[in-house]
Amino acid sequence: MQLLTTIDRATLEHSTLLAESNEFAIYQLENDTYSLVHRHAGVEWQAITLSGDGLFRVMELVARAGRALYRDLAGDLSRARKP
């Protein structure tokens, strides 16, 4: 895993774009390496590179965090709707 405070856009030109949203993208680099890139117009692009195995492990952690966030939000909404 490597944290890049600045990633050169030319580095990504020959990489495969796998997924993107308005600010984030995942690129497949070479040698079983993937990069999660923060592509905000107001700042230099930043990235985290991960191995394929690392990507699976991070996906599990993000899924757990998402479930916890959803549980908290759903609980707050449920309490707010009770008379």
C-alpha atoms as a PDB file:
ATOM      1  CA  MET A   1       0.000   0.000   0.000  1.00  0.00           C
ATOM      2  CA  GLN A   2       1.205   3.444  -0.851  1.00  0.00           C
ATOM      3  CA  LEU A   3      -0.298   6.854  -0.077  1.00  0.00           C
ATOM      4  CA  LEU A   4       0.391   9.413  -2.775  1.00  0.00           C
ATOM      5  CA  THR A   5      -0.321  13.007  -1.802  1.00  0.00           C
ATOM      6  CA  THR A   6       0.015  13.874  -5.493  1.00  0.00           C
ATOM      7  CA  ILE A   7      -0.428  11.494  -8.402  1.00  0.00           C
ATOM      8  CA  ASP A   8       0.633  12.460 -11.900  1.00  0.00           C
ATOM      9  CA  ARG A   9      -2.331  12.257 -14.261  1.00  0.00           C
ATOM     10  CA  ALA A  10      -0.011  11.010 -17.013  1.00  0.00           C
ATOM     11  CA  THR A  11       0.621   7.915 -14.870  1.00  0.00           C
ATOM     12  CA  LEU A  12      -3.072   7.044 -15.173  1.00  0.00           C
ATOM     13  CA  GLU A  13      -3.376   7.623 -18.945  1.00  0.00           C
ATOM     14  CA  HIS A  14      -2.374   4.047 -19.768  1.00  0.00           C
ATOM     15  CA  SER A  15      -4.248   2.511 -16.843  1.00  0.00           C
ATOM     16  CA  THR A  16      -7.720   1.006 -17.030  1.00  0.00           C
ATOM     17  CA  LEU A  17     -10.491   3.033 -15.405  1.00  0.00           C
ATOM     18  CA  LEU A  18     -12.661   0.504 -13.541  1.00  0.00           C
ATOM     19  CA  ALA A  19     -15.143   2.715 -11.678  1.00  0.00           C
ATOM     20  CA  GLU A  20     -15.751   6.378 -11.056  1.00  0.00           C
ATOM     21  CA  SER A  21     -17.992   8.860  -9.304  1.00  0.00           C
ATOM     22  CA  ASN A  22     -17.920  12.622  -9.367  1.00  0.00           C
ATOM     23  CA  GLU A  23     -14.783  12.856  -7.177  1.00  0.00           C
ATOM     24  CA  PHE A  24     -13.330   9.352  -6.930  1.00  0.00           C
ATOM     25  CA  ALA A  25     -12.115   6.741  -9.387  1.00  0.00           C
ATOM     26  CA  ILE A  26     -10.496   3.318  -9.236  1.00  0.00           C
ATOM     27  CA  TYR A  27      -7.832   2.513 -11.793  1.00  0.00           C
ATOM     28  CA  GLN A  28      -6.219  -0.819 -12.515  1.00  0.00           C
ATOM     29  CA  LEU A  29      -2.491  -0.256 -12.742  1.00  0.00           C
ATOM     30  CA  GLU A  30      -0.028  -2.992 -13.588  1.00  0.00           C
ATOM     31  CA  ASN A  31       1.121  -6.047 -11.618  1.00  0.00           C
ATOM     32  CA  ASP A  32      -2.137  -6.621  -9.687  1.00  0.00           C
ATOM     33  CA  THR A  33      -2.145  -3.051  -8.355  1.00  0.00           C
ATOM     34  CA  TYR A  34      -5.155  -0.772  -8.055  1.00  0.00           C
ATOM     35  CA  SER A  35      -5.395   2.892  -7.232  1.00  0.00           C
ATOM     36  CA  LEU A  36      -8.223   4.771  -5.522  1.00  0.00           C
ATOM     37  CA  VAL A  37      -7.858   8.345  -6.783  1.00  0.00           C
ATOM     38  CA  HIS A  38      -9.406  11.484  -5.312  1.00  0.00           C
ATOM     39  CA  ARG A  39      -9.987  13.607  -8.432  1.00  0.00           C
ATOM     40  CA  HIS A  40     -11.255  16.900  -7.032  1.00  0.00           C
ATOM     41  CA  ALA A  41     -10.893  19.890  -9.341  1.00  0.00           C
ATOM     42  CA  GLY A  42      -9.761  22.200  -6.523  1.00  0.00           C
ATOM     43  CA  VAL A  43      -6.758  20.178  -5.347  1.00  0.00           C
ATOM     44  CA  GLU A  44      -3.976  18.022  -6.687  1.00  0.00           C
ATOM     45  CA  TRP A  45      -5.152  14.478  -7.385  1.00  0.00           C
ATOM     46  CA  GLN A  46      -4.320  12.130  -4.500  1.00  0.00           C
ATOM     47  CA  ALA A  47      -4.306   8.342  -4.424  1.00  0.00           C
ATOM     48  CA  ILE A  48      -3.941   5.191  -2.420  1.00  0.00           C
ATOM     49  CA  THR A  49      -2.495   2.223  -4.261  1.00  0.00           C
ATOM     50  CA  LEU A  50      -3.391  -1.292  -3.147  1.00  0.00           C
ATOM     51  CA  SER A  51      -2.667  -4.834  -4.210  1.00  0.00           C
ATOM     52  CA  GLY A  52      -5.608  -6.953  -5.332  1.00  0.00           C
ATOM     53  CA  ASP A  53      -5.625  -8.646  -1.922  1.00  0.00           C
ATOM     54  CA  GLY A  54      -5.442  -5.275  -0.187  1.00  0.00           C
ATOM     55  CA  LEU A  55      -8.375  -4.045  -2.259  1.00  0.00           C
ATOM     56  CA  PHE A  56     -10.529  -6.966  -1.069  1.00  0.00           C
ATOM     57  CA  ARG A  57      -9.558  -6.301   2.562  1.00  0.00           C
ATOM     58  CA  VAL A  58     -10.324  -2.567   2.297  1.00  0.00           C
ATOM     59  CA  MET A  59     -13.648  -3.311   0.581  1.00  0.00           C
ATOM     60  CA  GLU A  60     -14.689  -5.376   3.608  1.00  0.00           C
ATOM     61  CA  LEU A  61     -13.736  -2.576   5.990  1.00  0.00           C
ATOM     62  CA  VAL A  62     -15.621   0.037   3.950  1.00  0.00           C
ATOM     63  CA  ALA A  63     -18.675  -2.259   3.826  1.00  0.00           C
ATOM     64  CA  ARG A  64     -18.605  -2.598   7.630  1.00  0.00           C
ATOM     65  CA  ALA A  65     -18.282   1.159   8.062  1.00  0.00           C
ATOM     66  CA  GLY A  66     -21.167   1.700   5.640  1.00  0.00           C
ATOM     67  CA  ARG A  67     -23.377  -0.705   7.580  1.00  0.00           C
ATOM     68  CA  ALA A  68     -22.523   1.035  10.853  1.00  0.00           C
ATOM     69  CA  LEU A  69     -23.300   4.422   9.334  1.00  0.00           C
ATOM     70  CA  TYR A  70     -26.597   3.133   7.951  1.00  0.00           C
ATOM     71  CA  ARG A  71     -27.551   1.612  11.323  1.00  0.00           C
ATOM     72  CA  ASP A  72     -26.846   4.888  13.109  1.00  0.00           C
ATOM     73  CA  LEU A  73     -28.713   6.934  10.533  1.00  0.00           C
ATOM     74  CA  ALA A  74     -31.674   4.555  10.446  1.00  0.00           C
ATOM     75  CA  GLY A  75     -31.835   4.602  14.262  1.00  0.00           C
ATOM     76  CA  ASP A  76     -31.826   8.402  14.331  1.00  0.00           C
ATOM     77  CA  LEU A  77     -34.568   8.574  11.700  1.00  0.00           C
ATOM     78  CA  SER A  78     -36.643   5.970  13.524  1.00  0.00           C
ATOM     79  CA  ARG A  79     -36.419   7.871  16.824  1.00  0.00           C
ATOM     80  CA  ALA A  80     -37.264  11.152  15.071  1.00  0.00           C
ATOM     81  CA  ARG A  81     -40.425   9.675  13.549  1.00  0.00           C
ATOM     82  CA  LYS A  82     -41.814   8.295  16.828  1.00  0.00           C
ATOM     83  CA  PRO A  83     -44.538  10.509  18.342  1.00  0.00           C
END
